[in-house]
Amino acid sequence: MLSMRYKEKSNSWPGFVDLFSNLVIILIFLLIVFLFLWTTTSVFNKNSGLRTVNQLRQENAEQAALIKQMENEEREAKNLLLQARDELNSSESTVADLSNAYEIKLQELEKQTASLQTQVQELQENRNLTTQYETKIAELEKQVNRQKNERATLVQQIGDLQKKLDAQADMQLEVSTAEMEKLQYELETAKAESAAAQAEYIKMSNELNKALADKVAELNEMAKYQSEFYRAIKEALGNRTIMRPDGDRFIISSDILFPSGKYTLSADGKKQLALIANVIKDFESKIDPSVKWIIRVDGHTDNKPVLAGTKSYRNNMQLSMLRATAVVDELAKNGVSKRRLVPSGFGDLHPVELGNSKSALQKNRRIELQLTNR
């Protein structure tokens, strides 16, 4: 729009120059007519005379010089106007370039304005956040002040409490001194008692060590008797596979002592027990009377359940105990002191071989004799 205005204005310059020239010519013509009328009027004035004519001549000459000067100025003005028109025409391209630059600059300014508006909006938002932060800071400052007041109150309370504690500490120190003296007395008494207890402990420890030594000697002697006892039983019974020593025990199969499912001794079983009774009686005279020994008679069964309808016993535990008691009674009948015999029953709780094979079941049905101390 700016470039169009400049173009419209530059197109009116030639007409303007022509109009200005015509106006100058008309002005000169009117000036000449005025001078002529004024001169004529002055000539015919009776009071003026010749002086007026001379004066008019002089003025006419001055007017002619003035007219000539005005013509020169008119030409100079025309030249200046033409020069100005040329300069104006030459500046039209510059104006157009400036107009384009102005449009580009205007667009940049519009972009900058939009950016500034965005920044203003962000600043407004930041201002809102700043207001919130300031409010939060004010609240925090109030909390800090409140905490300072509370801290001052606590410091005061702590000071008062410290004074009370100091007073109590002085009182407790006096009480503690008395208690310390009492504790010192009790400590000395406890030391004396501890010394007496230590002496008693040493005495008991010596007695216990002696008893343990005696017990070990007794066990060693019992082990010697066990070996002789099991060897004597084996020699008395002969080499039978259903009777065998096993560590500190002598195992007799129940099948040679009792019928299946019964706890009454068979005839062959009584014979075998009579031989064992002779061995036990012989050992009663060999073992030192100070050794407190017994023979445990342990009954064991297989894991077959008791047959339904059996009235004599309800389970294998009872059957094993009845069989062990029958063995003890038979040994006592054959002269063995009953105080040396202890029966016990374990049922099927401690098998020597797992499984349900015929061999395993036969091995688990057994009577064990064990020479041991009480």
Foldseek 3Di string as FASTA:
>chain_A
DQLVVLVVVLVCLVVVLVVVLVVLVVVLVVVVVVLVVVLVVQPPPPVNPPVSNVVSVVVVVVSVVVVVVVVVVSVVVSVVSVVVSVVSVVCSVVVVVVVVVVVVVVVVVVVVVVVVVVVVVVVVVVVVVVVVVVVVVVVVVVVVVVVVVVVVVVVVVVVVVVVVVVVVVVVVVVVVVVVVVVVVVVVVVVVVVVVVVVVVVVVVVVVVVVVVVVVVVLVVVLLVVQVVLQVQLCVLVDDDPQWAADRQKIKHFCVQFDPPPDQHGDPSNLVSLLSSLVSLVVVVVVDDPVFAKAKEKEFEAAPDFRDPPDDVDHGQQVSRQSNSVNSLVSSVVSPHDSVRYDYHYDYHPDQPDDDDDPVSRRRRGIIMIGMDHD
